[in-house]
Protein backbone atom coordinates (compact mmCIF):
# COMPACT_ATOMS: atom_id res chain seq x y z
CA MET A 1 -73.44 -38.81 64.94
CA ASP A 2 -74.37 -42.67 65.56
CA ASP A 3 -77.64 -42.12 67.82
CA VAL A 4 -80.35 -44.36 65.54
CA PRO A 5 -83.26 -43.43 68.54
CA ALA A 6 -82.03 -39.46 68.27
CA LEU A 7 -82.79 -40.26 64.45
CA ARG A 8 -85.53 -41.93 64.85
CA LEU A 9 -87.50 -38.81 67.20
CA PHE A 10 -86.16 -36.47 64.55
CA LEU A 11 -88.05 -38.44 62.15
CA ALA A 12 -90.64 -38.80 64.02
CA ILE A 13 -90.81 -35.04 64.53
CA ALA A 14 -90.39 -33.98 61.16
CA ASP A 15 -93.10 -36.14 60.58
CA THR A 16 -95.65 -34.97 62.34
CA ALA A 17 -94.38 -31.20 63.14
CA SER A 18 -94.74 -31.51 66.42
CA PHE A 19 -92.70 -33.01 69.64
CA THR A 20 -95.74 -33.80 71.55
CA ARG A 21 -96.89 -36.38 68.51
CA ALA A 22 -93.80 -37.27 67.90
CA ALA A 23 -92.96 -38.32 71.75
CA ARG A 24 -95.94 -39.84 72.35
CA ARG A 25 -95.08 -42.18 69.25
CA LEU A 26 -92.15 -43.48 71.04
CA SER A 27 -93.58 -43.64 74.20
CA LEU A 28 -90.99 -40.26 75.47
CA THR A 29 -92.06 -37.39 77.65
CA PRO A 30 -92.18 -34.00 75.25
CA ALA A 31 -89.50 -32.85 77.62
CA VAL A 32 -87.16 -36.12 77.50
CA ALA A 33 -87.78 -35.23 73.38
CA SER A 34 -86.79 -31.67 73.67
CA ARG A 35 -83.32 -32.70 75.21
CA LYS A 36 -82.38 -35.51 73.05
CA MET A 37 -82.97 -33.09 69.67
CA ALA A 38 -80.86 -29.81 71.57
CA ALA A 39 -78.11 -32.56 72.05
CA LEU A 40 -77.98 -33.55 68.05
CA GLU A 41 -78.41 -30.17 67.38
CA ALA A 42 -75.22 -29.34 69.37
CA GLU A 43 -73.57 -31.86 67.85
CA ILE A 44 -74.95 -31.62 64.37
CA GLY A 45 -73.38 -27.65 65.19
CA GLN A 46 -76.61 -26.86 63.31
CA ARG A 47 -80.96 -25.88 63.86
CA LEU A 48 -83.07 -28.87 62.58
CA PHE A 49 -86.45 -27.32 63.50
CA LEU A 50 -87.65 -23.77 63.60
CA ARG A 51 -90.62 -23.82 66.59
CA SER A 52 -93.40 -21.45 67.40
CA THR A 53 -95.86 -21.77 69.59
CA ARG A 54 -98.48 -23.59 66.68
CA LYS A 55 -96.06 -25.16 64.24
CA VAL A 56 -92.68 -27.09 63.80
CA SER A 57 -90.84 -27.09 60.17
CA LEU A 58 -87.57 -28.11 59.44
CA THR A 59 -84.70 -25.73 58.55
CA GLU A 60 -82.58 -26.28 55.94
CA HIS A 61 -80.26 -28.04 57.36
CA GLY A 62 -83.15 -30.26 59.00
CA ALA A 63 -84.59 -30.78 55.42
CA PHE A 64 -81.30 -31.75 54.01
CA LEU A 65 -80.90 -34.27 57.37
CA ARG A 66 -84.24 -35.95 56.84
CA GLN A 67 -83.17 -37.25 53.52
CA HIS A 68 -80.11 -38.67 54.71
CA ALA A 69 -81.56 -40.20 57.90
CA GLN A 70 -84.58 -41.85 56.15
CA ARG A 71 -81.70 -44.10 54.52
CA VAL A 72 -80.16 -45.00 57.66
CA ILE A 73 -83.24 -45.88 59.79
CA ASP A 74 -84.13 -48.02 56.55
CA ALA A 75 -81.06 -49.75 56.35
CA VAL A 76 -81.03 -50.16 60.28
CA ASP A 77 -84.40 -51.91 60.35
CA GLU A 78 -83.73 -54.31 57.15
CA ALA A 79 -80.77 -55.64 58.81
CA ASP A 80 -82.73 -56.10 62.14
CA GLU A 81 -85.52 -58.31 60.11
CA ALA A 82 -82.62 -59.93 58.18
CA MET A 83 -81.29 -61.13 61.10
CA ARG A 84 -83.97 -62.77 62.03
CA GLY A 85 -83.85 -64.82 59.31
CA ALA A 86 -85.38 -65.77 56.15
CA LEU A 87 -88.20 -67.63 57.74
CA ALA A 88 -89.21 -64.92 60.27
CA ARG A 89 -92.82 -64.49 60.85
CA PRO A 90 -94.48 -60.88 60.88
CA ALA A 91 -94.91 -59.79 64.44
CA GLY A 92 -95.61 -56.54 66.17
CA ARG A 93 -98.56 -54.05 66.50
CA LEU A 94 -100.11 -53.09 63.21
CA ARG A 95 -101.90 -49.70 63.82
CA ILE A 96 -104.44 -49.27 60.99
CA SER A 97 -106.49 -46.42 60.17
CA CYS A 98 -109.59 -46.96 58.02
CA ARG A 99 -112.64 -45.19 56.69
CA ALA A 100 -115.02 -46.44 58.60
CA GLY A 101 -118.22 -47.94 57.05
CA LEU A 102 -114.88 -50.17 54.91
CA GLY A 103 -113.32 -51.15 57.93
CA ARG A 104 -116.56 -52.71 59.54
CA HIS A 105 -118.00 -54.47 56.41
CA PHE A 106 -114.46 -55.39 55.10
CA ILE A 107 -111.62 -55.36 57.45
CA VAL A 108 -113.18 -56.27 60.71
CA PRO A 109 -114.87 -59.23 59.11
CA TYR A 110 -111.62 -60.61 58.11
CA ILE A 111 -109.61 -59.83 61.42
CA PRO A 112 -110.33 -63.66 62.66
CA GLU A 113 -108.71 -64.88 59.98
CA PHE A 114 -105.51 -62.36 59.76
CA ARG A 115 -104.98 -63.21 63.26
CA ALA A 116 -105.00 -66.95 62.74
CA ALA A 117 -102.45 -66.49 59.59
CA TYR A 118 -100.14 -64.40 61.75
CA PRO A 119 -101.32 -64.64 65.27
CA GLU A 120 -97.64 -62.56 66.12
CA VAL A 121 -99.19 -59.55 64.63
CA THR A 122 -101.37 -57.34 67.37
CA ILE A 123 -104.07 -55.09 65.48
CA GLY A 124 -104.78 -51.85 66.74
CA LEU A 125 -107.83 -50.41 64.50
CA GLU A 126 -109.00 -46.62 64.12
CA LEU A 127 -112.19 -46.07 62.10
CA VAL A 128 -112.05 -43.02 60.83
CA HIS A 129 -114.41 -40.48 58.64
CA ASP A 130 -111.47 -38.76 57.16
CA ARG A 131 -110.77 -39.65 53.51
CA ILE A 132 -107.23 -39.97 54.09
CA ALA A 133 -105.57 -40.73 57.15
CA ASP A 134 -102.51 -38.83 58.04
CA LEU A 135 -100.40 -42.29 58.52
CA MET A 136 -97.44 -39.78 59.89
CA ALA A 137 -98.92 -37.84 61.83
CA SER A 138 -100.75 -40.40 63.48
CA GLY A 139 -98.02 -43.30 63.65
CA CYS A 140 -100.18 -45.93 61.88
CA ASP A 141 -98.42 -48.02 59.77
CA VAL A 142 -101.25 -48.77 56.74
CA ALA A 143 -104.52 -47.06 56.14
CA ALA A 144 -107.42 -47.97 54.09
CA THR A 145 -109.09 -45.81 51.93
CA ILE A 146 -112.30 -45.00 48.99
CA GLY A 147 -112.22 -42.56 46.49
CA HIS A 148 -109.70 -40.97 44.11
CA LEU A 149 -106.60 -39.74 45.91
CA GLY A 150 -105.10 -36.45 45.83
CA ASP A 151 -101.13 -35.53 46.39
CA SER A 152 -99.41 -37.65 48.84
CA ASN A 153 -96.44 -38.89 49.99
CA LEU A 154 -98.02 -42.19 50.60
CA VAL A 155 -97.91 -45.44 48.49
CA ALA A 156 -101.26 -46.18 47.20
CA ARG A 157 -102.31 -50.15 46.61
CA ARG A 158 -105.22 -49.95 44.42
CA ILE A 159 -107.16 -53.79 45.45
CA ALA A 160 -110.56 -53.50 43.98
CA GLU A 161 -112.65 -50.57 41.80
CA THR A 162 -116.55 -49.89 43.09
CA ASP A 163 -119.82 -48.22 41.50
CA SER A 164 -122.55 -47.13 42.99
CA HIS A 165 -126.01 -46.78 42.06
CA ILE A 166 -128.91 -45.68 43.78
CA TYR A 167 -131.65 -47.19 46.20
CA ALA A 168 -134.83 -47.31 48.07
CA SER A 169 -136.29 -49.55 50.56
CA PRO A 170 -140.06 -51.34 48.78
CA ASP A 171 -142.02 -49.58 50.85
CA TYR A 172 -140.87 -45.95 50.22
CA LEU A 173 -141.63 -46.52 46.77
CA ALA A 174 -145.39 -48.08 47.16
CA ARG A 175 -146.12 -44.53 49.76
CA HIS A 176 -144.14 -41.94 47.54
CA GLY A 177 -143.73 -43.80 44.12
CA THR A 178 -140.67 -44.23 41.92
CA PRO A 179 -138.70 -42.08 40.00
CA HIS A 180 -137.50 -42.84 36.22
CA THR A 181 -135.19 -39.32 35.77
CA PRO A 182 -132.87 -37.62 37.76
CA THR A 183 -134.32 -34.85 37.54
CA GLU A 184 -137.79 -36.29 39.98
CA LEU A 185 -135.28 -36.99 42.75
CA GLU A 186 -135.68 -33.52 43.57
CA HIS A 187 -138.84 -34.19 44.68
CA HIS A 188 -138.21 -37.13 46.71
CA THR A 189 -136.70 -37.47 50.47
CA CYS A 190 -133.06 -38.72 49.34
CA LEU A 191 -130.66 -39.05 52.73
CA THR A 192 -126.94 -37.89 52.58
CA MET A 193 -123.53 -38.11 54.76
CA SER A 194 -123.07 -34.45 54.26
CA ALA A 195 -124.48 -33.86 57.75
CA ILE A 196 -122.99 -30.59 58.04
CA THR A 197 -124.88 -28.86 55.32
CA GLY A 198 -127.50 -31.59 54.73
CA THR A 199 -126.95 -31.11 51.02
CA THR A 200 -125.27 -32.62 48.50
CA THR A 201 -124.74 -32.92 44.72
CA TRP A 202 -125.43 -36.27 42.64
CA LYS A 203 -124.21 -36.70 39.49
CA LEU A 204 -125.63 -39.19 36.86
CA SER A 205 -124.77 -39.70 33.19
CA GLN A 206 -127.10 -41.59 30.52
CA GLY A 207 -124.97 -42.15 27.12
CA ALA A 208 -123.63 -38.52 26.54
CA ALA A 209 -126.29 -36.87 29.05
CA ARG A 210 -125.23 -35.82 32.11
CA TYR A 211 -126.74 -34.47 34.82
CA ASP A 212 -126.73 -33.16 38.02
CA VAL A 213 -128.86 -33.14 40.64
CA PRO A 214 -128.69 -30.64 43.54
CA LEU A 215 -130.87 -32.20 46.65
CA ARG A 216 -131.33 -31.09 50.21
CA SER A 217 -131.58 -33.88 52.85
CA PRO A 218 -134.27 -33.31 55.90
CA LEU A 219 -131.88 -36.37 57.11
CA ALA A 220 -128.19 -35.93 56.88
CA ILE A 221 -126.46 -38.41 58.75
CA ASP A 222 -122.37 -38.94 58.59
CA ASP A 223 -122.09 -42.44 59.22
CA ALA A 224 -123.14 -45.29 56.41
CA ASP A 225 -124.12 -47.72 58.63
CA ALA A 226 -126.78 -45.09 60.21
CA VAL A 227 -128.15 -43.92 56.94
CA LEU A 228 -128.09 -47.32 55.19
CA SER A 229 -130.59 -48.50 58.10
CA CYS A 230 -132.92 -45.15 57.74
CA ALA A 231 -132.94 -46.02 54.14
CA CYS A 232 -133.51 -49.96 54.49
CA ALA A 233 -136.99 -48.39 57.14
CA GLY A 234 -137.90 -46.19 54.49
CA LEU A 235 -137.27 -43.12 55.43
CA GLY A 236 -135.73 -42.08 51.87
CA ILE A 237 -133.25 -42.80 48.77
CA ILE A 238 -129.71 -43.18 48.69
CA LEU A 239 -127.04 -43.25 46.34
CA PHE A 240 -124.33 -46.06 47.46
CA ALA A 241 -121.78 -48.28 46.26
CA ASP A 242 -122.95 -51.32 45.45
CA TRP A 243 -120.60 -53.70 47.59
CA PHE A 244 -121.94 -51.48 50.72
CA VAL A 245 -125.57 -52.73 50.23
CA GLN A 246 -125.55 -56.32 48.39
CA HIS A 247 -127.05 -57.83 51.66
CA ALA A 248 -130.22 -55.42 51.89
CA VAL A 249 -130.40 -55.77 48.07
CA ARG A 250 -130.12 -59.42 48.08
CA SER A 251 -132.88 -59.35 51.67
CA GLY A 252 -135.15 -57.87 49.62
CA ALA A 253 -134.83 -54.68 52.11
CA LEU A 254 -133.54 -52.50 49.20
CA VAL A 255 -134.06 -52.07 45.54
CA ARG A 256 -131.95 -50.11 43.41
CA ILE A 257 -134.16 -47.56 41.08
CA LEU A 258 -133.10 -45.80 38.14
CA ALA A 259 -131.18 -48.63 36.76
CA ASP A 260 -130.82 -46.94 33.16
CA TYR A 261 -128.51 -44.32 34.73
CA GLN A 262 -124.80 -44.34 35.43
CA VAL A 263 -123.29 -42.95 39.08
CA GLU A 264 -121.07 -40.61 38.56
CA PRO A 265 -117.55 -40.88 38.67
CA ARG A 266 -117.43 -44.51 37.84
CA GLY A 267 -114.96 -46.62 39.33
CA THR A 268 -114.22 -45.32 42.52
CA PRO A 269 -110.95 -46.52 44.14
CA ILE A 270 -110.49 -48.55 46.87
CA ASN A 271 -106.72 -48.37 47.99
CA LEU A 272 -104.19 -49.34 50.66
CA LEU A 273 -101.99 -46.54 51.87
CA TYR A 274 -98.48 -46.89 53.66
CA GLN A 275 -95.62 -44.99 54.44
CA SER A 276 -93.57 -44.54 51.41
CA ARG A 277 -90.04 -46.02 52.46
CA SER A 278 -87.82 -48.39 50.51
CA TYR A 279 -88.09 -50.88 53.53
CA VAL A 280 -91.57 -51.99 53.88
CA PRO A 281 -92.17 -54.10 57.41
CA LEU A 282 -93.03 -57.46 57.52
CA LYS A 283 -96.51 -57.02 59.06
CA VAL A 284 -97.10 -54.28 56.86
CA ARG A 285 -96.44 -56.51 53.99
CA ALA A 286 -98.57 -58.98 55.47
CA PHE A 287 -101.67 -57.42 55.86
CA LEU A 288 -101.44 -55.76 52.12
CA ASP A 289 -101.38 -59.14 50.73
CA PHE A 290 -103.82 -60.40 52.62
CA PHE A 291 -106.28 -57.89 52.36
CA ALA A 292 -105.38 -57.47 48.52
CA ASP A 293 -106.34 -61.18 47.74
CA LYS A 294 -109.47 -61.51 50.16
CA ALA A 295 -110.52 -57.55 47.86
CA ALA A 296 -111.40 -59.61 44.63
CA GLY A 297 -113.85 -61.72 46.07
CA HIS A 298 -115.51 -59.57 48.55
CA PHE A 299 -115.74 -56.48 46.28
CA GLY A 300 -116.28 -58.60 43.03
CA ALA A 301 -119.07 -59.83 44.17
CA ALA A 302 -121.02 -56.66 44.28
CA ARG A 303 -121.00 -56.63 40.65
């Protein structure tokens, strides 16, 4: 078995659990992908996938091949890059998946500088609302996300940590008064991004004391920029990360309240995620190093 393209297709199907998505990733038609896999299974003499109308899963032989095929592809890619020379520059299309607010306020502002440093890298940026991007299924090379990670087969590079606090506009406070304890928040208009239910719970602490404040918001929008705009317009109180509201605070559009209380959990991580492989393409490595360097000044300025 020496068909590298067939192995790439096999791995794409295994990663996405879909012939259609794998074919799209490799610019093939589903029919061509099916024929190529049928030929690979015939060559090996074993079924590699179990197929149903809803799902594609690996057989025992497929799972065994996946472990070894990835090493083959990594070695081929590494050898190919090495042949370009030690001074080769990052190049090619870099697909990035990113939390929408993080993308707008952190990734996008630095793209001109990144492109100037690496002009041979073209960028496809996908702004999403999901906490963790499914890199394997979407075909993205790298993702940027906020929050603690669950179990994942992705490698996470932590580039910053951020705390959150509670903010409101001077106009809102002048009209409704300033809450001085967490329980008083229940009598105020608090804005949330929980658009489906409009409910949320804010967790605060003061020393050893802990406060869980259940809230039902009259205005819930699943976009951070929109919620921030509403808060600046005096429509309610928000709980947001410091770095996200720093410009509004500096301009006087928002002020911090309940400053004697700490929002929990503290130290929310900001991570760059990439596929768990021994070989990291130059374009991905360039992105990771560039934005890790920018993060120190960008998020540190909000503290």
